[in-house]
Amino acid sequence: MKPSLYAHPFASYCQKVLIALYENGTPFTYRRFGPEDPAAMSELEALWPLKKFPVLVDEGRAYIESSIIVEHLSIRHPGSVQLIPREATSALEVRMLDRFFDNYVMTPMQKIVADFIRAKGARDATGVLEARTLLDSAYGWLDGLMENRNWAAGDGFSLADCAAAPALFYSDWVHEITAQFPHARAYRQRLLARASVARTVDEGRPYRNLFPPGAPDRD
């Protein structure tokens, strides 16, 4: 039986899992939130009362958190693209970089985006400044890392790149990866040119009007 993914195509952590699925052509049932699948959200709430997504259901069990879902897919539904290296030290680097992109790029990006949703009198200028400062530090570190690499953990596309793609896609929208970080910028472009990533970007394109700061006319 195919796994089922409860997700939305414009949500960054959902895109992370979708990239992993598309990389290996893994068959799955897409429970996409919206009018075309009105039962999906109520089913998600029954599976995971915190109502956070994505959630993957496979073999009668629900898996939460995007990194865990990708790890599960690499074990139960492996394909030609090995998203988690078998060699322990290489796998550790992939997992470390996955956490880097989630914690130090995705999280501050989401903090900036969330601030646009608040009423003007409740906005957190100090928190947004801290988030922008953290992004600049993350871009600088990533720029050095990517100077001689094609993908985050080296030559092979991995979980780390699944995490990097949506994180850098959206973070550049709210806090540009400037020419000061040429290797990080080039890496983002390589990600966007990857077929699995391009597919997720295209699937999310109809929802760009939902982006609180306003989506730029590019990408």
Protein backbone atom coordinates (compact mmCIF):
# COMPACT_ATOMS: atom_id res chain seq x y z
CA MET A 1 0.00 0.00 0.00
CA LYS A 2 1.31 3.45 -0.90
CA PRO A 3 2.13 5.92 1.87
CA SER A 4 -0.12 8.97 2.23
CA LEU A 5 1.25 12.47 2.73
CA TYR A 6 -0.87 15.16 4.38
CA ALA A 7 0.61 18.41 3.14
CA HIS A 8 0.17 21.75 1.40
CA PRO A 9 2.26 22.57 -1.68
CA PHE A 10 3.21 26.08 -0.51
CA ALA A 11 4.38 25.04 2.98
CA SER A 12 8.15 24.93 3.30
CA TYR A 13 8.45 21.78 5.42
CA CYS A 14 5.98 19.99 3.16
CA GLN A 15 8.16 20.92 0.19
CA LYS A 16 11.14 19.36 1.95
CA VAL A 17 9.35 15.99 2.05
CA LEU A 18 7.91 16.36 -1.45
CA ILE A 19 11.41 16.91 -2.83
CA ALA A 20 12.51 13.62 -1.24
CA LEU A 21 9.51 11.80 -2.72
CA TYR A 22 10.04 13.29 -6.19
CA GLU A 23 13.78 12.58 -6.15
CA ASN A 24 13.13 8.85 -6.08
CA GLY A 25 9.78 8.79 -7.85
CA THR A 26 8.24 7.24 -4.75
CA PRO A 27 4.54 6.44 -5.29
CA PHE A 28 2.33 8.11 -2.66
CA THR A 29 -1.17 9.41 -2.10
CA TYR A 30 -1.12 13.19 -1.84
CA ARG A 31 -3.66 14.37 0.74
CA ARG A 32 -3.46 18.01 -0.25
CA PHE A 33 -5.22 20.48 2.02
CA GLY A 34 -7.85 22.44 0.15
CA PRO A 35 -11.31 22.19 -1.39
CA GLU A 36 -10.26 19.28 -3.60
CA ASP A 37 -9.74 17.10 -0.46
CA PRO A 38 -12.04 18.51 2.26
CA ALA A 39 -11.49 15.58 4.63
CA ALA A 40 -7.70 15.91 4.71
CA MET A 41 -7.47 18.46 7.53
CA SER A 42 -9.87 16.65 9.87
CA GLU A 43 -8.00 13.40 9.25
CA LEU A 44 -4.72 15.16 10.00
CA GLU A 45 -6.09 16.45 13.30
CA ALA A 46 -7.12 12.93 14.28
CA LEU A 47 -3.64 11.65 13.44
CA TRP A 48 -1.73 14.52 15.06
CA PRO A 49 -3.73 16.83 17.37
CA LEU A 50 -1.08 19.56 17.13
CA LYS A 51 -2.26 19.95 13.51
CA LYS A 52 1.27 20.57 12.24
CA PHE A 53 2.16 19.26 8.82
CA PRO A 54 3.46 17.37 6.92
CA VAL A 55 2.36 14.02 8.31
CA LEU A 56 3.11 10.76 6.51
CA VAL A 57 1.01 7.65 7.07
CA ASP A 58 2.68 4.42 6.05
CA GLU A 59 1.84 0.83 6.96
CA GLY A 60 -0.78 2.06 9.45
CA ARG A 61 1.57 4.38 11.34
CA ALA A 62 1.79 8.17 11.31
CA TYR A 63 5.18 9.87 11.08
CA ILE A 64 5.68 13.52 12.00
CA GLU A 65 8.52 16.01 11.48
CA SER A 66 9.96 16.42 8.01
CA SER A 67 13.43 15.05 8.77
CA ILE A 68 11.99 11.90 10.36
CA ILE A 69 9.66 11.43 7.40
CA VAL A 70 12.56 11.61 4.94
CA GLU A 71 14.57 9.20 7.11
CA HIS A 72 11.63 6.80 7.10
CA LEU A 73 11.33 7.04 3.32
CA SER A 74 15.03 6.30 2.93
CA ILE A 75 14.59 3.12 5.00
CA ARG A 76 11.22 1.81 3.82
CA HIS A 77 11.08 3.26 0.30
CA PRO A 78 14.71 3.58 -0.87
CA GLY A 79 15.44 4.65 -4.41
CA SER A 80 18.35 5.45 -6.68
CA VAL A 81 19.07 8.70 -4.81
CA GLN A 82 20.47 7.82 -1.41
CA LEU A 83 19.26 10.71 0.74
CA ILE A 84 20.91 9.38 3.92
CA PRO A 85 24.40 7.95 3.33
CA ARG A 86 25.02 4.44 4.62
CA GLU A 87 28.44 5.38 5.95
CA ALA A 88 28.00 6.69 9.49
CA THR A 89 30.30 9.73 9.37
CA SER A 90 28.82 10.94 6.07
CA ALA A 91 25.30 10.40 7.42
CA LEU A 92 26.17 12.47 10.48
CA GLU A 93 27.24 15.40 8.30
CA VAL A 94 24.01 15.18 6.31
CA ARG A 95 21.96 15.23 9.50
CA MET A 96 23.98 18.13 10.92
CA LEU A 97 23.40 20.18 7.78
CA ASP A 98 19.71 19.29 7.80
CA ARG A 99 19.52 20.79 11.29
CA PHE A 100 21.49 23.83 10.14
CA PHE A 101 19.01 24.64 7.38
CA ASP A 102 15.98 24.01 9.60
CA ASN A 103 17.22 25.87 12.66
CA TYR A 104 19.35 28.68 11.26
CA VAL A 105 17.70 29.44 7.91
CA MET A 106 14.11 28.17 8.02
CA THR A 107 13.38 29.28 11.59
CA PRO A 108 14.55 32.92 11.28
CA MET A 109 12.87 33.16 7.86
CA GLN A 110 9.58 32.04 9.38
CA LYS A 111 10.00 34.52 12.22
CA ILE A 112 10.23 37.37 9.70
CA VAL A 113 7.24 36.07 7.74
CA ALA A 114 5.13 35.62 10.89
CA ASP A 115 5.78 39.21 11.92
CA PHE A 116 3.91 40.41 8.82
CA ILE A 117 0.80 38.59 10.04
CA ARG A 118 0.72 40.47 13.35
CA ALA A 119 -1.18 43.68 13.90
CA LYS A 120 1.13 46.66 13.44
CA GLY A 121 1.07 47.48 17.13
CA ALA A 122 2.13 43.94 18.05
CA ARG A 123 5.07 43.60 15.70
CA ASP A 124 8.45 42.58 17.07
CA ALA A 125 11.06 44.82 15.48
CA THR A 126 13.81 43.55 17.76
CA GLY A 127 13.00 39.92 17.02
CA VAL A 128 12.96 40.57 13.28
CA LEU A 129 16.33 42.32 13.46
CA GLU A 130 17.74 39.35 15.36
CA ALA A 131 16.34 37.00 12.71
CA ARG A 132 17.90 39.02 9.89
CA THR A 133 21.25 39.08 11.71
CA LEU A 134 21.09 35.32 12.17
CA LEU A 135 20.33 34.84 8.47
CA ASP A 136 23.35 36.93 7.48
CA SER A 137 25.53 34.80 9.75
CA ALA A 138 24.03 31.62 8.30
CA TYR A 139 24.56 32.86 4.73
CA GLY A 140 28.18 33.66 5.52
CA TRP A 141 28.85 30.22 6.97
CA LEU A 142 27.06 28.53 4.08
CA ASP A 143 29.00 30.59 1.55
CA GLY A 144 32.28 29.22 2.87
CA LEU A 145 30.92 25.68 2.96
CA MET A 146 29.71 25.79 -0.65
CA GLU A 147 32.86 27.27 -2.17
CA ASN A 148 33.99 23.85 -3.43
CA ARG A 149 30.80 21.81 -3.22
CA ASN A 150 27.95 21.12 -5.61
CA TRP A 151 25.53 19.96 -2.92
CA ALA A 152 25.40 20.63 0.78
CA ALA A 153 27.18 17.47 1.92
CA GLY A 154 29.43 17.11 -1.13
CA ASP A 155 28.75 15.58 -4.53
CA GLY A 156 25.53 13.69 -3.76
CA PHE A 157 22.05 15.18 -3.33
CA SER A 158 20.81 14.33 0.17
CA LEU A 159 18.40 15.10 2.99
CA ALA A 160 20.46 18.24 3.62
CA ASP A 161 19.56 19.56 0.15
CA CYS A 162 15.90 18.65 0.66
CA ALA A 163 16.03 20.93 3.72
CA ALA A 164 18.09 23.63 2.02
CA ALA A 165 15.85 24.10 -1.02
CA PRO A 166 12.70 25.49 0.63
CA ALA A 167 14.68 27.22 3.37
CA LEU A 168 16.82 29.20 0.93
CA PHE A 169 13.96 29.66 -1.53
CA TYR A 170 11.84 31.54 0.99
CA SER A 171 14.62 33.14 3.03
CA ASP A 172 15.93 34.91 -0.07
CA TRP A 173 12.47 36.37 -0.56
CA VAL A 174 12.47 38.04 2.87
CA HIS A 175 16.20 38.64 3.37
CA GLU A 176 18.16 38.50 0.14
CA ILE A 177 21.24 36.37 -0.26
CA THR A 178 23.28 39.23 -1.68
CA ALA A 179 26.32 39.23 -3.96
CA GLN A 180 28.38 39.22 -0.76
CA PHE A 181 27.61 35.48 -0.64
CA PRO A 182 28.24 34.27 -4.21
CA HIS A 183 28.62 30.58 -3.40
CA ALA A 184 25.42 30.50 -1.36
CA ARG A 185 23.59 32.31 -4.18
CA ALA A 186 24.91 29.86 -6.77
CA TYR A 187 23.88 26.93 -4.59
CA ARG A 188 20.34 28.28 -4.35
CA GLN A 189 20.21 28.49 -8.14
CA ARG A 190 21.45 24.91 -8.50
CA LEU A 191 18.72 23.79 -6.14
CA LEU A 192 16.04 25.62 -8.11
CA ALA A 193 17.28 23.98 -11.32
CA ARG A 194 16.96 20.48 -9.81
CA ALA A 195 13.89 18.74 -11.27
CA SER A 196 12.44 17.70 -7.91
CA VAL A 197 12.83 21.20 -6.49
CA ALA A 198 11.49 22.91 -9.62
CA ARG A 199 8.41 20.70 -9.41
CA THR A 200 7.67 21.75 -5.82
CA VAL A 201 8.17 25.41 -6.71
CA ASP A 202 5.75 25.10 -9.63
CA GLU A 203 3.17 23.29 -7.52
CA GLY A 204 3.30 26.11 -4.97
CA ARG A 205 3.15 28.88 -7.56
CA PRO A 206 -0.67 29.28 -7.52
CA TYR A 207 -0.53 30.10 -3.80
CA ARG A 208 2.02 32.91 -3.89
CA ASN A 209 -0.63 35.47 -3.09
CA LEU A 210 -0.80 33.87 0.38
CA PHE A 211 2.79 34.84 1.23
CA PRO A 212 2.33 37.49 3.97
CA PRO A 213 5.22 39.82 2.98
CA GLY A 214 4.21 39.55 -0.70
CA ALA A 215 6.00 37.22 -3.10
CA PRO A 216 8.60 38.83 -5.38
CA ASP A 217 8.13 38.62 -9.13
CA ARG A 218 10.91 36.07 -9.68
CA ASP A 219 11.85 32.43 -9.19
